[in-house]
């Protein structure tokens, strides 16, 4: 083998070795990215559940205060004999 072909072969080996190293890094980075995506998806589901719970509490509180307001109006009507002044 000539010197020139040996140099080309050594350069190709170095390039393949470097490429193999980069593929290993890529694989590790993809695994890390997959874990981050899994965590993000889990956090999204929890935030969605939290938002639904908050909406239920808001609707329940609104219903409760509407009922309380209605009871207060009925009690006020009963005290004044049904003649509540308009404000």
PDB file of N, CA and C in Angstrom:
ATOM      1  N   UNK A   1       0.834  -1.185   0.000  1.00  0.00           N
ATOM      2  CA  UNK A   1       0.000   0.000   0.000  1.00  0.00           C
ATOM      3  C   UNK A   1       0.874   1.242   0.000  1.00  0.00           C
ATOM      4  N   UNK A   2       0.414   2.202  -0.694  1.00  0.00           N
ATOM      5  CA  UNK A   2       1.202   3.430  -0.757  1.00  0.00           C
ATOM      6  C   UNK A   2       0.917   4.300   0.457  1.00  0.00           C
ATOM      7  N   UNK A   3       1.782   5.245   0.638  1.00  0.00           N
ATOM      8  CA  UNK A   3       1.642   6.185   1.750  1.00  0.00           C
ATOM      9  C   UNK A   3       0.343   6.967   1.652  1.00  0.00           C
ATOM     10  N   UNK A   4       0.017   7.354   0.446  1.00  0.00           N
ATOM     11  CA  UNK A   4      -1.188   8.167   0.228  1.00  0.00           C
ATOM     12  C   UNK A   4      -2.439   7.384   0.605  1.00  0.00           C
ATOM     13  N   UNK A   5      -2.558   6.147   0.228  1.00  0.00           N
ATOM     14  CA  UNK A   5      -3.744   5.348   0.543  1.00  0.00           C
ATOM     15  C   UNK A   5      -3.821   5.044   2.036  1.00  0.00           C
ATOM     16  N   UNK A   6      -2.668   4.900   2.689  1.00  0.00           N
ATOM     17  CA  UNK A   6      -2.674   4.688   4.143  1.00  0.00           C
ATOM     18  C   UNK A   6      -3.187   5.935   4.860  1.00  0.00           C
ATOM     19  N   UNK A   7      -2.783   7.106   4.404  1.00  0.00           N
ATOM     20  CA  UNK A   7      -3.250   8.364   5.002  1.00  0.00           C
ATOM     21  C   UNK A   7      -4.762   8.519   4.819  1.00  0.00           C
ATOM     22  N   UNK A   8      -5.242   8.194   3.632  1.00  0.00           N
ATOM     23  CA  UNK A   8      -6.680   8.299   3.353  1.00  0.00           C
ATOM     24  C   UNK A   8      -7.443   7.327   4.244  1.00  0.00           C
ATOM     25  N   UNK A   9      -6.902   6.129   4.414  1.00  0.00           N
ATOM     26  CA  UNK A   9      -7.561   5.126   5.261  1.00  0.00           C
ATOM     27  C   UNK A   9      -7.584   5.570   6.720  1.00  0.00           C
ATOM     28  N   UNK A  10      -6.480   6.137   7.208  1.00  0.00           N
ATOM     29  CA  UNK A  10      -6.425   6.623   8.591  1.00  0.00           C
ATOM     30  C   UNK A  10      -7.409   7.786   8.793  1.00  0.00           C
ATOM     31  N   UNK A  11      -7.479   8.665   7.803  1.00  0.00           N
ATOM     32  CA  UNK A  11      -8.413   9.794   7.900  1.00  0.00           C
ATOM     33  C   UNK A  11      -9.850   9.290   7.923  1.00  0.00           C
ATOM     34  N   UNK A  12     -10.164   8.299   7.108  1.00  0.00           N
ATOM     35  CA  UNK A  12     -11.514   7.729   7.090  1.00  0.00           C
ATOM     36  C   UNK A  12     -11.833   7.077   8.436  1.00  0.00           C
ATOM     37  N   UNK A  13     -10.866   6.387   9.030  1.00  0.00           N
ATOM     38  CA  UNK A  13     -11.071   5.765  10.355  1.00  0.00           C
ATOM     39  C   UNK A  13     -11.332   6.828  11.413  1.00  0.00           C
ATOM     40  N   UNK A  14     -10.551   7.930  11.375  1.00  0.00           N
ATOM     41  CA  UNK A  14     -10.764   9.018  12.346  1.00  0.00           C
ATOM     42  C   UNK A  14     -12.144   9.629  12.175  1.00  0.00           C
ATOM     43  N   UNK A  15     -12.547   9.835  10.932  1.00  0.00           N
ATOM     44  CA  UNK A  15     -13.859  10.421  10.670  1.00  0.00           C
ATOM     45  C   UNK A  15     -14.976   9.492  11.134  1.00  0.00           C
ATOM     46  N   UNK A  16     -14.819   8.188  10.883  1.00  0.00           N
ATOM     47  CA  UNK A  16     -15.832   7.232  11.340  1.00  0.00           C
ATOM     48  C   UNK A  16     -15.882   7.159  12.861  1.00  0.00           C
ATOM     49  N   UNK A  17     -14.718   7.240  13.485  1.00  0.00           N
ATOM     50  CA  UNK A  17     -14.674   7.230  14.945  1.00  0.00           C
ATOM     51  C   UNK A  17     -15.375   8.472  15.503  1.00  0.00           C
ATOM     52  N   UNK A  18     -15.094   9.627  14.882  1.00  0.00           N
ATOM     53  CA  UNK A  18     -15.729  10.872  15.318  1.00  0.00           C
ATOM     54  C   UNK A  18     -17.239  10.811  15.087  1.00  0.00           C
ATOM     55  N   UNK A  19     -17.642  10.273  13.940  1.00  0.00           N
ATOM     56  CA  UNK A  19     -19.065  10.135  13.637  1.00  0.00           C
ATOM     57  C   UNK A  19     -19.743   9.210  14.650  1.00  0.00           C
ATOM     58  N   UNK A  20     -19.077   8.135  15.002  1.00  0.00           N
ATOM     59  CA  UNK A  20     -19.624   7.207  16.000  1.00  0.00           C
ATOM     60  C   UNK A  20     -19.800   7.906  17.349  1.00  0.00           C
ATOM     61  N   UNK A  21     -18.827   8.738  17.712  1.00  0.00           N
ATOM     62  CA  UNK A  21     -18.921   9.499  18.969  1.00  0.00           C
ATOM     63  C   UNK A  21     -20.115  10.458  18.927  1.00  0.00           C
ATOM     64  N   UNK A  22     -20.292  11.133  17.790  1.00  0.00           N
ATOM     65  CA  UNK A  22     -21.408  12.064  17.662  1.00  0.00           C
ATOM     66  C   UNK A  22     -22.744  11.342  17.715  1.00  0.00           C
ATOM     67  N   UNK A  23     -22.830  10.158  17.129  1.00  0.00           N
ATOM     68  CA  UNK A  23     -24.073   9.376  17.187  1.00  0.00           C
ATOM     69  C   UNK A  23     -24.381   8.994  18.633  1.00  0.00           C
ATOM     70  N   UNK A  24     -23.348   8.655  19.396  1.00  0.00           N
ATOM     71  CA  UNK A  24     -23.547   8.348  20.815  1.00  0.00           C
ATOM     72  C   UNK A  24     -24.084   9.541  21.582  1.00  0.00           C
ATOM     73  N   UNK A  25     -23.514  10.734  21.307  1.00  0.00           N
ATOM     74  CA  UNK A  25     -23.997  11.951  21.957  1.00  0.00           C
ATOM     75  C   UNK A  25     -25.434  12.252  21.552  1.00  0.00           C
ATOM     76  N   UNK A  26     -25.732  12.064  20.270  1.00  0.00           N
ATOM     77  CA  UNK A  26     -27.089  12.290  19.782  1.00  0.00           C
ATOM     78  C   UNK A  26     -28.073  11.365  20.485  1.00  0.00           C
ATOM     79  N   UNK A  27     -27.708  10.118  20.625  1.00  0.00           N
ATOM     80  CA  UNK A  27     -28.571   9.148  21.302  1.00  0.00           C
ATOM     81  C   UNK A  27     -28.834   9.569  22.754  1.00  0.00           C
ATOM     82  N   UNK A  28     -27.784  10.000  23.455  1.00  0.00           N
ATOM     83  CA  UNK A  28     -27.939  10.448  24.847  1.00  0.00           C
ATOM     84  C   UNK A  28     -28.833  11.692  24.916  1.00  0.00           C
ATOM     85  N   UNK A  29     -28.640  12.623  23.979  1.00  0.00           N
ATOM     86  CA  UNK A  29     -29.456  13.840  23.974  1.00  0.00           C
ATOM     87  C   UNK A  29     -30.916  13.534  23.668  1.00  0.00           C
ATOM     88  N   UNK A  30     -31.157  12.598  22.766  1.00  0.00           N
ATOM     89  CA  UNK A  30     -32.545  12.221  22.455  1.00  0.00           C
ATOM     90  C   UNK A  30     -33.195  11.562  23.658  1.00  0.00           C
ATOM     91  N   UNK A  31     -32.446  10.740  24.386  1.00  0.00           N
ATOM     92  CA  UNK A  31     -32.995  10.114  25.594  1.00  0.00           C
ATOM     93  C   UNK A  31     -33.349  11.180  26.636  1.00  0.00           C
ATOM     94  N   UNK A  32     -32.473  12.173  26.817  1.00  0.00           N
ATOM     95  CA  UNK A  32     -32.763  13.272  27.754  1.00  0.00           C
ATOM     96  C   UNK A  32     -33.988  14.057  27.296  1.00  0.00           C
ATOM     97  N   UNK A  33     -34.079  14.329  26.004  1.00  0.00           N
ATOM     98  CA  UNK A  33     -35.215  15.072  25.456  1.00  0.00           C
ATOM     99  C   UNK A  33     -36.512  14.297  25.663  1.00  0.00           C
ATOM    100  N   UNK A  34     -36.464  12.990  25.478  1.00  0.00           N
ATOM    101  CA  UNK A  34     -37.653  12.161  25.695  1.00  0.00           C
ATOM    102  C   UNK A  34     -38.118  12.265  27.150  1.00  0.00           C
ATOM    103  N   UNK A  35     -37.175  12.223  28.080  1.00  0.00           N
ATOM    104  CA  UNK A  35     -37.542  12.343  29.491  1.00  0.00           C
ATOM    105  C   UNK A  35     -38.150  13.715  29.787  1.00  0.00           C
ATOM    106  N   UNK A  36     -37.582  14.771  29.190  1.00  0.00           N
ATOM    107  CA  UNK A  36     -38.135  16.115  29.380  1.00  0.00           C
ATOM    108  C   UNK A  36     -39.546  16.218  28.804  1.00  0.00           C
ATOM    109  N   UNK A  37     -39.772  15.622  27.648  1.00  0.00           N
ATOM    110  CA  UNK A  37     -41.110  15.638  27.061  1.00  0.00           C
ATOM    111  C   UNK A  37     -42.109  14.891  27.932  1.00  0.00           C
ATOM    112  N   UNK A  38     -41.682  13.768  28.487  1.00  0.00           N
ATOM    113  CA  UNK A  38     -42.554  12.998  29.368  1.00  0.00           C
ATOM    114  C   UNK A  38     -42.927  13.818  30.606  1.00  0.00           C
ATOM    115  N   UNK A  39     -41.934  14.490  31.193  1.00  0.00           N
ATOM    116  CA  UNK A  39     -42.192  15.335  32.363  1.00  0.00           C
ATOM    117  C   UNK A  39     -43.117  16.491  32.007  1.00  0.00           C
ATOM    118  N   UNK A  40     -42.886  17.118  30.864  1.00  0.00           N
ATOM    119  CA  UNK A  40     -43.724  18.237  30.429  1.00  0.00           C
ATOM    120  C   UNK A  40     -45.169  17.792  30.214  1.00  0.00           C
ATOM    121  N   UNK A  41     -45.347  16.632  29.597  1.00  0.00           N
ATOM    122  CA  UNK A  41     -46.700  16.115  29.364  1.00  0.00           C
ATOM    123  C   UNK A  41     -47.402  15.833  30.689  1.00  0.00           C
ATOM    124  N   UNK A  42     -46.664  15.283  31.634  1.00  0.00           N
ATOM    125  CA  UNK A  42     -47.241  15.006  32.958  1.00  0.00           C
ATOM    126  C   UNK A  42     -47.637  16.305  33.655  1.00  0.00           C
ATOM    127  N   UNK A  43     -46.767  17.311  33.575  1.00  0.00           N
ATOM    128  CA  UNK A  43     -47.082  18.602  34.187  1.00  0.00           C
ATOM    129  C   UNK A  43     -48.301  19.243  33.526  1.00  0.00           C
ATOM    130  N   UNK A  44     -48.413  19.122  32.214  1.00  0.00           N
ATOM    131  CA  UNK A  44     -49.562  19.667  31.501  1.00  0.00           C
ATOM    132  C   UNK A  44     -50.853  19.012  31.999  1.00  0.00           C
ATOM    133  N   UNK A  45     -50.837  17.685  32.161  1.00  0.00           N
ATOM    134  CA  UNK A  45     -52.036  16.983  32.632  1.00  0.00           C
ATOM    135  C   UNK A  45     -52.417  17.452  34.030  1.00  0.00           C
ATOM    136  N   UNK A  46     -51.429  17.660  34.894  1.00  0.00           N
ATOM    137  CA  UNK A  46     -51.726  18.110  36.252  1.00  0.00           C
ATOM    138  C   UNK A  46     -52.279  19.542  36.257  1.00  0.00           C
ATOM    139  N   UNK A  47     -51.723  20.403  35.413  1.00  0.00           N
ATOM    140  CA  UNK A  47     -52.220  21.785  35.322  1.00  0.00           C
ATOM    141  C   UNK A  47     -53.644  21.790  34.782  1.00  0.00           C
ATOM    142  N   UNK A  48     -53.919  20.905  33.819  1.00  0.00           N
ATOM    143  CA  UNK A  48     -55.273  20.816  33.277  1.00  0.00           C
ATOM    144  C   UNK A  48     -56.259  20.377  34.366  1.00  0.00           C
ATOM    145  N   UNK A  49     -55.874  19.384  35.166  1.00  0.00           N
ATOM    146  CA  UNK A  49     -56.741  18.936  36.271  1.00  0.00           C
ATOM    147  C   UNK A  49     -56.942  20.055  37.287  1.00  0.00           C
ATOM    148  N   UNK A  50     -55.869  20.780  37.590  1.00  0.00           N
ATOM    149  CA  UNK A  50     -55.969  21.892  38.532  1.00  0.00           C
ATOM    150  C   UNK A  50     -56.927  22.965  38.013  1.00  0.00           C
ATOM    151  N   UNK A  51     -56.856  23.262  36.723  1.00  0.00           N
ATOM    152  CA  UNK A  51     -57.762  24.245  36.126  1.00  0.00           C
ATOM    153  C   UNK A  51     -59.209  23.799  36.204  1.00  0.00           C
ATOM    154  N   UNK A  52     -59.456  22.506  35.967  1.00  0.00           N
ATOM    155  CA  UNK A  52     -60.824  21.985  36.063  1.00  0.00           C
ATOM    156  C   UNK A  52     -61.337  22.066  37.496  1.00  0.00           C
ATOM    157  N   UNK A  53     -60.462  21.725  38.461  1.00  0.00           N
ATOM    158  CA  UNK A  53     -60.882  21.814  39.859  1.00  0.00           C
ATOM    159  C   UNK A  53     -61.208  23.254  40.235  1.00  0.00           C
ATOM    160  N   UNK A  54     -60.382  24.186  39.775  1.00  0.00           N
ATOM    161  CA  UNK A  54     -60.617  25.590  40.078  1.00  0.00           C
ATOM    162  C   UNK A  54     -61.936  26.063  39.468  1.00  0.00           C
ATOM    163  N   UNK A  55     -62.222  25.632  38.258  1.00  0.00           N
ATOM    164  CA  UNK A  55     -63.481  26.008  37.616  1.00  0.00           C
ATOM    165  C   UNK A  55     -64.667  25.437  38.383  1.00  0.00           C
ATOM    166  N   UNK A  56     -64.564  24.192  38.861  1.00  0.00           N
ATOM    167  CA  UNK A  56     -65.653  23.591  39.650  1.00  0.00           C
ATOM    168  C   UNK A  56     -65.874  24.354  40.948  1.00  0.00           C
ATOM    169  N   UNK A  57     -64.771  24.721  41.616  1.00  0.00           N
ATOM    170  CA  UNK A  57     -64.904  25.488  42.857  1.00  0.00           C
ATOM    171  C   UNK A  57     -65.554  26.840  42.592  1.00  0.00           C
ATOM    172  N   UNK A  58     -65.180  27.484  41.504  1.00  0.00           N
ATOM    173  CA  UNK A  58     -65.754  28.783  41.163  1.00  0.00           C
ATOM    174  C   UNK A  58     -67.252  28.655  40.898  1.00  0.00           C
ATOM    175  N   UNK A  59     -67.649  27.643  40.139  1.00  0.00           N
ATOM    176  CA  UNK A  59     -69.075  27.443  39.856  1.00  0.00           C
ATOM    177  C   UNK A  59     -69.849  27.093  41.124  1.00  0.00           C
ATOM    178  N   UNK A  60     -69.259  26.266  41.974  1.00  0.00           N
ATOM    179  CA  UNK A  60     -69.928  25.902  43.226  1.00  0.00           C
ATOM    180  C   UNK A  60     -70.081  27.125  44.135  1.00  0.00           C
ATOM    181  N   UNK A  61     -69.040  27.944  44.222  1.00  0.00           N
ATOM    182  CA  UNK A  61     -69.117  29.144  45.053  1.00  0.00           C
ATOM    183  C   UNK A  61     -70.165  30.111  44.497  1.00  0.00           C
ATOM    184  N   UNK A  62     -70.221  30.243  43.183  1.00  0.00           N
ATOM    185  CA  UNK A  62     -71.212  31.121  42.559  1.00  0.00           C
ATOM    186  C   UNK A  62     -72.627  30.631  42.879  1.00  0.00           C
ATOM    187  N   UNK A  63     -72.866  29.336  42.767  1.00  0.00           N
ATOM    188  CA  UNK A  63     -74.191  28.777  43.081  1.00  0.00           C
ATOM    189  C   UNK A  63     -74.553  29.022  44.543  1.00  0.00           C
ATOM    190  N   UNK A  64     -73.578  28.806  45.421  1.00  0.00           N
ATOM    191  CA  UNK A  64     -73.827  28.990  46.849  1.00  0.00           C
ATOM    192  C   UNK A  64     -74.197  30.446  47.147  1.00  0.00           C
ATOM    193  N   UNK A  65     -73.421  31.381  46.606  1.00  0.00           N
ATOM    194  CA  UNK A  65     -73.696  32.783  46.900  1.00  0.00           C
ATOM    195  C   UNK A  65     -74.988  33.258  46.240  1.00  0.00           C
ATOM    196  N   UNK A  66     -75.362  32.697  45.107  1.00  0.00           N
ATOM    197  CA  UNK A  66     -76.652  33.033  44.511  1.00  0.00           C
ATOM    198  C   UNK A  66     -77.792  32.552  45.408  1.00  0.00           C
ATOM    199  N   UNK A  67     -77.660  31.349  45.959  1.00  0.00           N
ATOM    200  CA  UNK A  67     -78.683  30.837  46.875  1.00  0.00           C
ATOM    201  C   UNK A  67     -78.760  31.695  48.134  1.00  0.00           C
ATOM    202  N   UNK A  68     -77.607  32.073  48.676  1.00  0.00           N
ATOM    203  CA  UNK A  68     -77.586  32.925  49.864  1.00  0.00           C
ATOM    204  C   UNK A  68     -78.248  34.268  49.576  1.00  0.00           C
ATOM    205  N   UNK A  69     -77.976  34.828  48.431  1.00  0.00           N
ATOM    206  CA  UNK A  69     -78.557  36.107  48.048  1.00  0.00           C
ATOM    207  C   UNK A  69     -80.071  35.976  47.903  1.00  0.00           C
ATOM    208  N   UNK A  70     -80.516  34.870  47.326  1.00  0.00           N
ATOM    209  CA  UNK A  70     -81.962  34.647  47.178  1.00  0.00           C
ATOM    210  C   UNK A  70     -82.623  34.520  48.547  1.00  0.00           C
ATOM    211  N   UNK A  71     -81.985  33.799  49.456  1.00  0.00           N
ATOM    212  CA  UNK A  71     -82.541  33.650  50.811  1.00  0.00           C
ATOM    213  C   UNK A  71     -82.610  34.998  51.515  1.00  0.00           C
ATOM    214  N   UNK A  72     -81.573  35.818  51.361  1.00  0.00           N
ATOM    215  CA  UNK A  72     -81.576  37.136  51.992  1.00  0.00           C
ATOM    216  C   UNK A  72     -82.704  37.997  51.431  1.00  0.00           C
ATOM    217  N   UNK A  73     -82.951  37.898  50.120  1.00  0.00           N
ATOM    218  CA  UNK A  73     -84.035  38.658  49.503  1.00  0.00           C
ATOM    219  C   UNK A  73     -85.391  38.196  50.037  1.00  0.00           C
ATOM    220  N   UNK A  74     -85.569  36.878  50.192  1.00  0.00           N
ATOM    221  CA  UNK A  74     -86.830  36.337  50.709  1.00  0.00           C
ATOM    222  C   UNK A  74     -87.025  36.777  52.153  1.00  0.00           C
ATOM    223  N   UNK A  75     -85.955  36.728  52.950  1.00  0.00           N
ATOM    224  CA  UNK A  75     -86.045  37.157  54.351  1.00  0.00           C
ATOM    225  C   UNK A  75     -86.366  38.652  54.443  1.00  0.00           C
ATOM    226  N   UNK A  76     -85.759  39.454  53.579  1.00  0.00           N
ATOM    227  CA  UNK A  76     -86.022  40.893  53.597  1.00  0.00           C
ATOM    228  C   UNK A  76     -87.457  41.177  53.185  1.00  0.00           C
ATOM    229  N   UNK A  77     -87.979  40.421  52.191  1.00  0.00           N
ATOM    230  CA  UNK A  77     -89.372  40.594  51.781  1.00  0.00           C
ATOM    231  C   UNK A  77     -90.315  40.236  52.924  1.00  0.00           C
ATOM    232  N   UNK A  78     -89.979  39.179  53.657  1.00  0.00           N
ATOM    233  CA  UNK A  78     -90.834  38.734  54.744  1.00  0.00           C
ATOM    234  C   UNK A  78     -90.839  39.790  55.874  1.00  0.00           C
ATOM    235  N   UNK A  79     -89.712  40.421  56.122  1.00  0.00           N
ATOM    236  CA  UNK A  79     -89.634  41.412  57.184  1.00  0.00           C
ATOM    237  C   UNK A  79     -90.393  42.682  56.819  1.00  0.00           C
ATOM    238  N   UNK A  80     -90.380  43.074  55.556  1.00  0.00           N
ATOM    239  CA  UNK A  80     -91.022  44.336  55.157  1.00  0.00           C
ATOM    240  C   UNK A  80     -92.436  44.108  54.644  1.00  0.00           C
ATOM    241  N   UNK A  81     -92.892  42.858  54.656  1.00  0.00           N
ATOM    242  CA  UNK A  81     -94.219  42.574  54.176  1.00  0.00           C
ATOM    243  C   UNK A  81     -94.298  42.555  52.669  1.00  0.00           C
ATOM    244  N   UNK A  82     -93.201  42.313  52.007  1.00  0.00           N
ATOM    245  CA  UNK A  82     -93.201  42.192  50.550  1.00  0.00           C
ATOM    246  C   UNK A  82     -93.024  43.520  49.840  1.00  0.00           C
ATOM    247  N   UNK A  83     -92.884  44.613  50.577  1.00  0.00           N
ATOM    248  CA  UNK A  83     -92.737  45.924  49.959  1.00  0.00           C
ATOM    249  C   UNK A  83     -91.277  46.380  50.038  1.00  0.00           C
ATOM    250  N   UNK A  84     -90.457  45.779  49.256  1.00  0.00           N
ATOM    251  CA  UNK A  84     -89.065  46.200  49.260  1.00  0.00           C
ATOM    252  C   UNK A  84     -88.895  47.374  48.327  1.00  0.00           C
ATOM    253  N   UNK A  85     -88.245  48.419  48.823  1.00  0.00           N
ATOM    254  CA  UNK A  85     -88.029  49.574  47.943  1.00  0.00           C
ATOM    255  C   UNK A  85     -87.012  49.235  46.853  1.00  0.00           C
ATOM    256  N   UNK A  86     -87.247  49.814  45.686  1.00  0.00           N
ATOM    257  CA  UNK A  86     -86.298  49.582  44.596  1.00  0.00           C
ATOM    258  C   UNK A  86     -85.142  50.549  44.730  1.00  0.00           C
ATOM    259  N   UNK A  87     -83.985  50.034  44.493  1.00  0.00           N
ATOM    260  CA  UNK A  87     -82.772  50.856  44.632  1.00  0.00           C
ATOM    261  C   UNK A  87     -82.280  51.229  43.270  1.00  0.00           C
TER     262      UNK A  87
END
